[in-house]
Structures are given as C-alpha cells and as structure tokens.
Amino acid sequence: MGRGLEISVRTAKLPLACTSPFAGDVTLHLSLPLRERMFKARCRAVSFGERGWCLDFLEVAPEDLQLLGHTLLVEFGPAALPNLERRPAQDVVLGQGE
C-alpha cells in the first residue's frame, strides 16, 4: 500500500529520510479502497534514523480502523494480523482507563 509504506492496525512505517524531529503528534492521512474520504490517524512519531519513521497510532476513528483492518486482511490475508504475543505491555493491561 503506497511506495514503501508499511502499515498495520497499530502503526505505519514511512521510509522518509527527514531527520528533523516532529514537534508533537502528527496526523497520517491515507487513501483506502472503498472510501470517499481519507483514513486519518493521530500518531506519535518515532525516528529510526536513516531507515525512516514509525508512526504509532494514538487516535483513530472506529470506522477508519475497521476499514483499515478489513483492507489489510483482504489484500494480505492473516499475515496482516498483529502478533499478539509481541504486543506492548501497555496494550495488554486491561481496566486502567485514561
């Protein structure tokens, strides 16, 4: 999906050579099939040096997340599903609302 863009239901990895830090959160806009408007996610950007940026999704509308998951499954099958054994600890903790 896109030129060098790697995306899952949690993150997007962008192969951008930009070395300047982002000032705060960033917003990812992405065109998905079967969608009139663009997918939108508020993200935290983490630099991987020369390899690019990882955008951790902080806020995504439920309908956008559902369409992204559906699109990934249709295009790439079960391999698109995140590996639950490797989930970050903060995602696994239940009952500790913000």
PDB file of N, CA and C in Angstrom:
ATOM      1  N   MET A   1       0.849  -1.178   0.000  1.00  0.00           N
ATOM      2  CA  MET A   1       0.000   0.000   0.000  1.00  0.00           C
ATOM      3  C   MET A   1       0.894   1.240   0.000  1.00  0.00           C
ATOM      4  N   GLY A   2       1.062   1.851  -1.108  1.00  0.00           N
ATOM      5  CA  GLY A   2       1.886   3.043  -1.186  1.00  0.00           C
ATOM      6  C   GLY A   2       3.319   2.702  -1.514  1.00  0.00           C
ATOM      7  N   ARG A   3       4.123   3.686  -1.674  1.00  0.00           N
ATOM      8  CA  ARG A   3       5.537   3.490  -2.013  1.00  0.00           C
ATOM      9  C   ARG A   3       6.354   3.313  -0.755  1.00  0.00           C
ATOM     10  N   GLY A   4       6.648   2.083  -0.408  1.00  0.00           N
ATOM     11  CA  GLY A   4       7.483   1.817   0.745  1.00  0.00           C
ATOM     12  C   GLY A   4       6.775   1.946   2.074  1.00  0.00           C
ATOM     13  N   LEU A   5       5.502   2.262   2.075  1.00  0.00           N
ATOM     14  CA  LEU A   5       4.738   2.389   3.311  1.00  0.00           C
ATOM     15  C   LEU A   5       4.408   1.008   3.845  1.00  0.00           C
ATOM     16  N   GLU A   6       4.748   0.753   5.112  1.00  0.00           N
ATOM     17  CA  GLU A   6       4.332  -0.474   5.789  1.00  0.00           C
ATOM     18  C   GLU A   6       3.294  -0.058   6.808  1.00  0.00           C
ATOM     19  N   ILE A   7       2.139  -0.729   6.812  1.00  0.00           N
ATOM     20  CA  ILE A   7       1.074  -0.316   7.720  1.00  0.00           C
ATOM     21  C   ILE A   7       0.428  -1.534   8.368  1.00  0.00           C
ATOM     22  N   SER A   8       0.038  -1.367   9.626  1.00  0.00           N
ATOM     23  CA  SER A   8      -0.726  -2.371  10.350  1.00  0.00           C
ATOM     24  C   SER A   8      -1.852  -1.626  11.059  1.00  0.00           C
ATOM     25  N   VAL A   9      -2.620  -2.336  11.865  1.00  0.00           N
ATOM     26  CA  VAL A   9      -3.705  -1.664  12.590  1.00  0.00           C
ATOM     27  C   VAL A   9      -3.180  -0.865  13.788  1.00  0.00           C
ATOM     28  N   ARG A  10      -1.887  -0.923  14.047  1.00  0.00           N
ATOM     29  CA  ARG A  10      -1.290  -0.176  15.160  1.00  0.00           C
ATOM     30  C   ARG A  10      -0.314   0.905  14.742  1.00  0.00           C
ATOM     31  N   THR A  11       0.407   0.675  13.651  1.00  0.00           N
ATOM     32  CA  THR A  11       1.482   1.595  13.263  1.00  0.00           C
ATOM     33  C   THR A  11       1.593   1.713  11.756  1.00  0.00           C
ATOM     34  N   ALA A  12       2.335   2.736  11.347  1.00  0.00           N
ATOM     35  CA  ALA A  12       2.739   2.888   9.950  1.00  0.00           C
ATOM     36  C   ALA A  12       4.231   3.192   9.956  1.00  0.00           C
ATOM     37  N   LYS A  13       4.965   2.574   9.048  1.00  0.00           N
ATOM     38  CA  LYS A  13       6.395   2.836   8.923  1.00  0.00           C
ATOM     39  C   LYS A  13       6.631   3.527   7.588  1.00  0.00           C
ATOM     40  N   LEU A  14       7.227   4.707   7.674  1.00  0.00           N
ATOM     41  CA  LEU A  14       7.461   5.522   6.492  1.00  0.00           C
ATOM     42  C   LEU A  14       8.951   5.618   6.220  1.00  0.00           C
ATOM     43  N   PRO A  15       9.393   5.268   5.017  1.00  0.00           N
ATOM     44  CA  PRO A  15      10.818   5.349   4.693  1.00  0.00           C
ATOM     45  C   PRO A  15      11.212   6.766   4.273  1.00  0.00           C
ATOM     46  N   LEU A  16      11.072   7.719   5.182  1.00  0.00           N
ATOM     47  CA  LEU A  16      11.417   9.111   4.898  1.00  0.00           C
ATOM     48  C   LEU A  16      12.781   9.422   5.480  1.00  0.00           C
ATOM     49  N   ALA A  17      13.580  10.157   4.747  1.00  0.00           N
ATOM     50  CA  ALA A  17      14.925  10.499   5.207  1.00  0.00           C
ATOM     51  C   ALA A  17      14.948  11.785   6.031  1.00  0.00           C
ATOM     52  N   CYS A  18      13.802  12.281   6.434  1.00  0.00           N
ATOM     53  CA  CYS A  18      13.721  13.501   7.238  1.00  0.00           C
ATOM     54  C   CYS A  18      14.337  13.236   8.616  1.00  0.00           C
ATOM     55  N   THR A  19      15.310  14.048   9.004  1.00  0.00           N
ATOM     56  CA  THR A  19      15.984  13.823  10.279  1.00  0.00           C
ATOM     57  C   THR A  19      15.534  14.815  11.352  1.00  0.00           C
ATOM     58  N   SER A  20      14.789  15.845  10.972  1.00  0.00           N
ATOM     59  CA  SER A  20      14.306  16.813  11.956  1.00  0.00           C
ATOM     60  C   SER A  20      13.207  16.180  12.786  1.00  0.00           C
ATOM     61  N   PRO A  21      13.210  16.413  14.103  1.00  0.00           N
ATOM     62  CA  PRO A  21      12.149  15.840  14.936  1.00  0.00           C
ATOM     63  C   PRO A  21      10.815  16.534  14.670  1.00  0.00           C
ATOM     64  N   PHE A  22       9.740  15.792  14.826  1.00  0.00           N
ATOM     65  CA  PHE A  22       8.407  16.373  14.708  1.00  0.00           C
ATOM     66  C   PHE A  22       8.091  17.101  16.001  1.00  0.00           C
ATOM     67  N   ALA A  23       7.414  18.223  15.900  1.00  0.00           N
ATOM     68  CA  ALA A  23       7.012  18.986  17.087  1.00  0.00           C
ATOM     69  C   ALA A  23       5.648  18.477  17.546  1.00  0.00           C
ATOM     70  N   GLY A  24       5.637  17.465  18.392  1.00  0.00           N
ATOM     71  CA  GLY A  24       4.385  16.911  18.898  1.00  0.00           C
ATOM     72  C   GLY A  24       3.845  15.800  18.021  1.00  0.00           C
ATOM     73  N   ASP A  25       2.557  15.528  18.167  1.00  0.00           N
ATOM     74  CA  ASP A  25       1.902  14.462  17.409  1.00  0.00           C
ATOM     75  C   ASP A  25       1.790  14.845  15.940  1.00  0.00           C
ATOM     76  N   VAL A  26       1.669  13.839  15.090  1.00  0.00           N
ATOM     77  CA  VAL A  26       1.473  14.044  13.656  1.00  0.00           C
ATOM     78  C   VAL A  26       0.161  13.383  13.242  1.00  0.00           C
ATOM     79  N   THR A  27      -0.367  13.792  12.110  1.00  0.00           N
ATOM     80  CA  THR A  27      -1.594  13.192  11.587  1.00  0.00           C
ATOM     81  C   THR A  27      -1.286  12.534  10.251  1.00  0.00           C
ATOM     82  N   LEU A  28      -1.625  11.253  10.148  1.00  0.00           N
ATOM     83  CA  LEU A  28      -1.444  10.492   8.923  1.00  0.00           C
ATOM     84  C   LEU A  28      -2.765  10.478   8.170  1.00  0.00           C
ATOM     85  N   HIS A  29      -2.733  10.857   6.910  1.00  0.00           N
ATOM     86  CA  HIS A  29      -3.885  10.760   6.021  1.00  0.00           C
ATOM     87  C   HIS A  29      -3.517   9.757   4.938  1.00  0.00           C
ATOM     88  N   LEU A  30      -4.411   8.812   4.690  1.00  0.00           N
ATOM     89  CA  LEU A  30      -4.110   7.732   3.758  1.00  0.00           C
ATOM     90  C   LEU A  30      -5.369   7.374   2.984  1.00  0.00           C
ATOM     91  N   SER A  31      -5.238   7.198   1.685  1.00  0.00           N
ATOM     92  CA  SER A  31      -6.359   6.796   0.852  1.00  0.00           C
ATOM     93  C   SER A  31      -6.506   5.278   0.899  1.00  0.00           C
ATOM     94  N   LEU A  32      -7.703   4.812   1.218  1.00  0.00           N
ATOM     95  CA  LEU A  32      -8.000   3.376   1.250  1.00  0.00           C
ATOM     96  C   LEU A  32      -9.065   3.050   0.205  1.00  0.00           C
ATOM     97  N   PRO A  33      -9.052   1.826  -0.332  1.00  0.00           N
ATOM     98  CA  PRO A  33     -10.102   1.438  -1.288  1.00  0.00           C
ATOM     99  C   PRO A  33     -11.484   1.512  -0.633  1.00  0.00           C
ATOM    100  N   LEU A  34     -12.491   1.737  -1.434  1.00  0.00           N
ATOM    101  CA  LEU A  34     -13.896   1.763  -0.989  1.00  0.00           C
ATOM    102  C   LEU A  34     -14.180   2.875   0.018  1.00  0.00           C
ATOM    103  N   ARG A  35     -13.412   3.943  -0.036  1.00  0.00           N
ATOM    104  CA  ARG A  35     -13.586   5.015   0.941  1.00  0.00           C
ATOM    105  C   ARG A  35     -13.529   6.359   0.229  1.00  0.00           C
ATOM    106  N   GLU A  36     -14.582   7.189   0.406  1.00  0.00           N
ATOM    107  CA  GLU A  36     -14.598   8.509  -0.226  1.00  0.00           C
ATOM    108  C   GLU A  36     -13.595   9.453   0.424  1.00  0.00           C
ATOM    109  N   ARG A  37     -13.571   9.433   1.750  1.00  0.00           N
ATOM    110  CA  ARG A  37     -12.630  10.327   2.432  1.00  0.00           C
ATOM    111  C   ARG A  37     -11.425   9.529   2.906  1.00  0.00           C
ATOM    112  N   MET A  38     -10.387  10.248   3.270  1.00  0.00           N
ATOM    113  CA  MET A  38      -9.137   9.590   3.623  1.00  0.00           C
ATOM    114  C   MET A  38      -9.150   9.051   5.056  1.00  0.00           C
ATOM    115  N   PHE A  39      -8.455   7.943   5.255  1.00  0.00           N
ATOM    116  CA  PHE A  39      -8.185   7.391   6.582  1.00  0.00           C
ATOM    117  C   PHE A  39      -7.350   8.436   7.324  1.00  0.00           C
ATOM    118  N   LYS A  40      -7.658   8.638   8.597  1.00  0.00           N
ATOM    119  CA  LYS A  40      -6.950   9.648   9.380  1.00  0.00           C
ATOM    120  C   LYS A  40      -6.584   9.048  10.732  1.00  0.00           C
ATOM    121  N   ALA A  41      -5.327   9.226  11.140  1.00  0.00           N
ATOM    122  CA  ALA A  41      -4.880   8.740  12.444  1.00  0.00           C
ATOM    123  C   ALA A  41      -3.957   9.776  13.079  1.00  0.00           C
ATOM    124  N   ARG A  42      -4.211  10.088  14.348  1.00  0.00           N
ATOM    125  CA  ARG A  42      -3.282  10.929  15.104  1.00  0.00           C
ATOM    126  C   ARG A  42      -2.208   9.992  15.632  1.00  0.00           C
ATOM    127  N   CYS A  43      -0.946  10.357  15.460  1.00  0.00           N
ATOM    128  CA  CYS A  43       0.162   9.446  15.727  1.00  0.00           C
ATOM    129  C   CYS A  43       1.279  10.118  16.521  1.00  0.00           C
ATOM    130  N   ARG A  44       2.072   9.270  17.151  1.00  0.00           N
ATOM    131  CA  ARG A  44       3.340   9.684  17.764  1.00  0.00           C
ATOM    132  C   ARG A  44       4.434   9.195  16.822  1.00  0.00           C
ATOM    133  N   ALA A  45       5.348  10.085  16.440  1.00  0.00           N
ATOM    134  CA  ALA A  45       6.415   9.734  15.510  1.00  0.00           C
ATOM    135  C   ALA A  45       7.673   9.329  16.266  1.00  0.00           C
ATOM    136  N   VAL A  46       8.229   8.184  15.890  1.00  0.00           N
ATOM    137  CA  VAL A  46       9.473   7.680  16.476  1.00  0.00           C
ATOM    138  C   VAL A  46      10.467   7.485  15.326  1.00  0.00           C
ATOM    139  N   SER A  47      11.633   8.121  15.434  1.00  0.00           N
ATOM    140  CA  SER A  47      12.629   8.054  14.374  1.00  0.00           C
ATOM    141  C   SER A  47      13.419   6.754  14.444  1.00  0.00           C
ATOM    142  N   PHE A  48      13.682   6.181  13.265  1.00  0.00           N
ATOM    143  CA  PHE A  48      14.555   5.025  13.136  1.00  0.00           C
ATOM    144  C   PHE A  48      15.792   5.413  12.328  1.00  0.00           C
ATOM    145  N   GLY A  49      16.258   6.643  12.555  1.00  0.00           N
ATOM    146  CA  GLY A  49      17.457   7.136  11.878  1.00  0.00           C
ATOM    147  C   GLY A  49      17.278   7.174  10.378  1.00  0.00           C
ATOM    148  N   GLU A  50      18.204   6.609   9.659  1.00  0.00           N
ATOM    149  CA  GLU A  50      18.169   6.622   8.197  1.00  0.00           C
ATOM    150  C   GLU A  50      17.093   5.715   7.618  1.00  0.00           C
ATOM    151  N   ARG A  51      16.526   4.825   8.436  1.00  0.00           N
ATOM    152  CA  ARG A  51      15.504   3.892   7.940  1.00  0.00           C
ATOM    153  C   ARG A  51      14.123   4.530   7.868  1.00  0.00           C
ATOM    154  N   GLY A  52      13.935   5.698   8.485  1.00  0.00           N
ATOM    155  CA  GLY A  52      12.648   6.373   8.390  1.00  0.00           C
ATOM    156  C   GLY A  52      11.984   6.585   9.744  1.00  0.00           C
ATOM    157  N   TRP A  53      10.677   6.619   9.717  1.00  0.00           N
ATOM    158  CA  TRP A  53       9.868   6.934  10.895  1.00  0.00           C
ATOM    159  C   TRP A  53       8.819   5.854  11.132  1.00  0.00           C
ATOM    160  N   CYS A  54       8.542   5.591  12.394  1.00  0.00           N
ATOM    161  CA  CYS A  54       7.424   4.729  12.784  1.00  0.00           C
ATOM    162  C   CYS A  54       6.378   5.638  13.406  1.00  0.00           C
ATOM    163  N   LEU A  55       5.157   5.556  12.913  1.00  0.00           N
ATOM    164  CA  LEU A  55       4.056   6.340  13.450  1.00  0.00           C
ATOM    165  C   LEU A  55       3.160   5.420  14.267  1.00  0.00           C
ATOM    166  N   ASP A  56       3.201   5.570  15.586  1.00  0.00           N
ATOM    167  CA  ASP A  56       2.344   4.781  16.471  1.00  0.00           C
ATOM    168  C   ASP A  56       0.983   5.459  16.553  1.00  0.00           C
ATOM    169  N   PHE A  57      -0.080   4.723  16.208  1.00  0.00           N
ATOM    170  CA  PHE A  57      -1.421   5.300  16.213  1.00  0.00           C
ATOM    171  C   PHE A  57      -1.868   5.576  17.650  1.00  0.00           C
ATOM    172  N   LEU A  58      -2.284   6.811  17.901  1.00  0.00           N
ATOM    173  CA  LEU A  58      -2.813   7.198  19.202  1.00  0.00           C
ATOM    174  C   LEU A  58      -4.331   7.335  19.163  1.00  0.00           C
ATOM    175  N   GLU A  59      -4.843   7.819  18.045  1.00  0.00           N
ATOM    176  CA  GLU A  59      -6.279   8.059  17.923  1.00  0.00           C
ATOM    177  C   GLU A  59      -6.726   7.811  16.488  1.00  0.00           C
ATOM    178  N   VAL A  60      -7.655   6.865  16.327  1.00  0.00           N
ATOM    179  CA  VAL A  60      -8.206   6.528  15.015  1.00  0.00           C
ATOM    180  C   VAL A  60      -9.704   6.326  15.192  1.00  0.00           C
ATOM    181  N   ALA A  61     -10.502   6.896  14.303  1.00  0.00           N
ATOM    182  CA  ALA A  61     -11.952   6.697  14.355  1.00  0.00           C
ATOM    183  C   ALA A  61     -12.248   5.208  14.179  1.00  0.00           C
ATOM    184  N   PRO A  62     -13.214   4.673  14.936  1.00  0.00           N
ATOM    185  CA  PRO A  62     -13.526   3.234  14.846  1.00  0.00           C
ATOM    186  C   PRO A  62     -13.825   2.756  13.428  1.00  0.00           C
ATOM    187  N   GLU A  63     -14.566   3.557  12.652  1.00  0.00           N
ATOM    188  CA  GLU A  63     -14.891   3.126  11.280  1.00  0.00           C
ATOM    189  C   GLU A  63     -13.639   3.106  10.392  1.00  0.00           C
ATOM    190  N   ASP A  64     -12.695   4.028  10.638  1.00  0.00           N
ATOM    191  CA  ASP A  64     -11.443   4.017   9.886  1.00  0.00           C
ATOM    192  C   ASP A  64     -10.612   2.793  10.239  1.00  0.00           C
ATOM    193  N   LEU A  65     -10.532   2.472  11.517  1.00  0.00           N
ATOM    194  CA  LEU A  65      -9.756   1.318  11.964  1.00  0.00           C
ATOM    195  C   LEU A  65     -10.351   0.019  11.423  1.00  0.00           C
ATOM    196  N   GLN A  66     -11.685  -0.060  11.414  1.00  0.00           N
ATOM    197  CA  GLN A  66     -12.346  -1.248  10.880  1.00  0.00           C
ATOM    198  C   GLN A  66     -12.074  -1.402   9.387  1.00  0.00           C
ATOM    199  N   LEU A  67     -12.156  -0.307   8.642  1.00  0.00           N
ATOM    200  CA  LEU A  67     -11.888  -0.382   7.207  1.00  0.00           C
ATOM    201  C   LEU A  67     -10.424  -0.714   6.937  1.00  0.00           C
ATOM    202  N   LEU A  68      -9.508  -0.154   7.721  1.00  0.00           N
ATOM    203  CA  LEU A  68      -8.094  -0.474   7.555  1.00  0.00           C
ATOM    204  C   LEU A  68      -7.848  -1.962   7.799  1.00  0.00           C
ATOM    205  N   GLY A  69      -8.399  -2.491   8.887  1.00  0.00           N
ATOM    206  CA  GLY A  69      -8.246  -3.916   9.189  1.00  0.00           C
ATOM    207  C   GLY A  69      -8.815  -4.787   8.084  1.00  0.00           C
ATOM    208  N   HIS A  70      -9.999  -4.435   7.596  1.00  0.00           N
ATOM    209  CA  HIS A  70     -10.633  -5.196   6.520  1.00  0.00           C
ATOM    210  C   HIS A  70      -9.772  -5.151   5.248  1.00  0.00           C
ATOM    211  N   THR A  71      -9.292  -3.969   4.909  1.00  0.00           N
ATOM    212  CA  THR A  71      -8.458  -3.809   3.709  1.00  0.00           C
ATOM    213  C   THR A  71      -7.185  -4.638   3.812  1.00  0.00           C
ATOM    214  N   LEU A  72      -6.546  -4.607   4.975  1.00  0.00           N
ATOM    215  CA  LEU A  72      -5.318  -5.375   5.166  1.00  0.00           C
ATOM    216  C   LEU A  72      -5.566  -6.875   5.052  1.00  0.00           C
ATOM    217  N   LEU A  73      -6.669  -7.348   5.641  1.00  0.00           N
ATOM    218  CA  LEU A  73      -6.992  -8.774   5.550  1.00  0.00           C
ATOM    219  C   LEU A  73      -7.301  -9.205   4.122  1.00  0.00           C
ATOM    220  N   VAL A  74      -8.046  -8.375   3.391  1.00  0.00           N
ATOM    221  CA  VAL A  74      -8.379  -8.708   2.006  1.00  0.00           C
ATOM    222  C   VAL A  74      -7.121  -8.732   1.144  1.00  0.00           C
ATOM    223  N   GLU A  75      -6.241  -7.743   1.338  1.00  0.00           N
ATOM    224  CA  GLU A  75      -5.040  -7.632   0.498  1.00  0.00           C
ATOM    225  C   GLU A  75      -3.957  -8.646   0.863  1.00  0.00           C
ATOM    226  N   PHE A  76      -3.757  -8.889   2.190  1.00  0.00           N
ATOM    227  CA  PHE A  76      -2.605  -9.679   2.627  1.00  0.00           C
ATOM    228  C   PHE A  76      -2.946 -10.917   3.442  1.00  0.00           C
ATOM    229  N   GLY A  77      -4.224 -11.156   3.728  1.00  0.00           N
ATOM    230  CA  GLY A  77      -4.635 -12.338   4.479  1.00  0.00           C
ATOM    231  C   GLY A  77      -4.225 -12.273   5.941  1.00  0.00           C
ATOM    232  N   PRO A  78      -4.217 -13.403   6.633  1.00  0.00           N
ATOM    233  CA  PRO A  78      -3.923 -13.451   8.069  1.00  0.00           C
ATOM    234  C   PRO A  78      -2.534 -12.915   8.433  1.00  0.00           C
ATOM    235  N   ALA A  79      -1.616 -12.873   7.477  1.00  0.00           N
ATOM    236  CA  ALA A  79      -0.282 -12.332   7.763  1.00  0.00           C
ATOM    237  C   ALA A  79      -0.350 -10.862   8.158  1.00  0.00           C
ATOM    238  N   ALA A  80      -1.451 -10.181   7.834  1.00  0.00           N
ATOM    239  CA  ALA A  80      -1.608  -8.767   8.173  1.00  0.00           C
ATOM    240  C   ALA A  80      -1.986  -8.558   9.637  1.00  0.00           C
ATOM    241  N   LEU A  81      -2.424  -9.632  10.312  1.00  0.00           N
ATOM    242  CA  LEU A  81      -2.824  -9.502  11.714  1.00  0.00           C
ATOM    243  C   LEU A  81      -1.605  -9.331  12.604  1.00  0.00           C
ATOM    244  N   PRO A  82      -1.713  -8.445  13.616  1.00  0.00           N
ATOM    245  CA  PRO A  82      -0.566  -8.272  14.522  1.00  0.00           C
ATOM    246  C   PRO A  82      -0.323  -9.525  15.347  1.00  0.00           C
ATOM    247  N   ASN A  83       0.916  -9.766  15.674  1.00  0.00           N
ATOM    248  CA  ASN A  83       1.299 -10.895  16.505  1.00  0.00           C
ATOM    249  C   ASN A  83       0.975 -10.543  17.958  1.00  0.00           C
ATOM    250  N   LEU A  84      -0.018 -11.174  18.542  1.00  0.00           N
ATOM    251  CA  LEU A  84      -0.477 -10.811  19.878  1.00  0.00           C
ATOM    252  C   LEU A  84       0.555 -11.104  20.962  1.00  0.00           C
ATOM    253  N   GLU A  85       1.435 -12.064  20.739  1.00  0.00           N
ATOM    254  CA  GLU A  85       2.462 -12.363  21.737  1.00  0.00           C
ATOM    255  C   GLU A  85       3.464 -11.228  21.865  1.00  0.00           C
ATOM    256  N   ARG A  86       3.569 -10.384  20.846  1.00  0.00           N
ATOM    257  CA  ARG A  86       4.549  -9.307  20.856  1.00  0.00           C
ATOM    258  C   ARG A  86       3.925  -7.952  21.169  1.00  0.00           C
ATOM    259  N   ARG A  87       2.706  -7.938  21.678  1.00  0.00           N
ATOM    260  CA  ARG A  87       2.039  -6.677  21.994  1.00  0.00           C
ATOM    261  C   ARG A  87       2.770  -5.964  23.114  1.00  0.00           C
ATOM    262  N   PRO A  88       2.885  -4.647  23.021  1.00  0.00           N
ATOM    263  CA  PRO A  88       3.488  -3.891  24.120  1.00  0.00           C
ATOM    264  C   PRO A  88       2.671  -4.054  25.396  1.00  0.00           C
ATOM    265  N   ALA A  89       3.341  -4.032  26.535  1.00  0.00           N
ATOM    266  CA  ALA A  89       2.689  -4.255  27.829  1.00  0.00           C
ATOM    267  C   ALA A  89       1.539  -3.283  28.046  1.00  0.00           C
ATOM    268  N   GLN A  90       1.670  -2.035  27.611  1.00  0.00           N
ATOM    269  CA  GLN A  90       0.612  -1.066  27.849  1.00  0.00           C
ATOM    270  C   GLN A  90      -0.675  -1.432  27.120  1.00  0.00           C
ATOM    271  N   ASP A  91      -0.590  -2.171  26.011  1.00  0.00           N
ATOM    272  CA  ASP A  91      -1.781  -2.580  25.283  1.00  0.00           C
ATOM    273  C   ASP A  91      -2.467  -3.770  25.946  1.00  0.00           C
ATOM    274  N   VAL A  92      -1.754  -4.523  26.736  1.00  0.00           N
ATOM    275  CA  VAL A  92      -2.283  -5.730  27.331  1.00  0.00           C
ATOM    276  C   VAL A  92      -3.006  -5.440  28.646  1.00  0.00           C
ATOM    277  N   VAL A  93      -2.624  -4.391  29.352  1.00  0.00           N
ATOM    278  CA  VAL A  93      -3.194  -4.056  30.659  1.00  0.00           C
ATOM    279  C   VAL A  93      -4.645  -3.628  30.453  1.00  0.00           C
ATOM    280  N   LEU A  94      -5.565  -4.316  31.103  1.00  0.00           N
ATOM    281  CA  LEU A  94      -6.983  -4.011  30.990  1.00  0.00           C
ATOM    282  C   LEU A  94      -7.474  -3.338  32.259  1.00  0.00           C
ATOM    283  N   GLY A  95      -8.506  -2.528  32.116  1.00  0.00           N
ATOM    284  CA  GLY A  95      -9.153  -1.919  33.275  1.00  0.00           C
ATOM    285  C   GLY A  95      -8.418  -0.708  33.828  1.00  0.00           C
ATOM    286  N   GLN A  96      -7.434  -0.199  33.148  1.00  0.00           N
ATOM    287  CA  GLN A  96      -6.751   1.002  33.605  1.00  0.00           C
ATOM    288  C   GLN A  96      -7.002   2.111  32.590  1.00  0.00           C
ATOM    289  N   GLY A  97      -8.216   2.659  32.609  1.00  0.00           N
ATOM    290  CA  GLY A  97      -8.597   3.689  31.662  1.00  0.00           C
ATOM    291  C   GLY A  97      -7.794   4.957  31.841  1.00  0.00           C
ATOM    292  N   GLU A  98      -7.863   5.795  30.830  1.00  0.00           N
ATOM    293  CA  GLU A  98      -7.120   7.055  30.880  1.00  0.00           C
ATOM    294  C   GLU A  98      -7.919   8.107  31.589  1.00  0.00           C
TER     295      GLU A  98
END
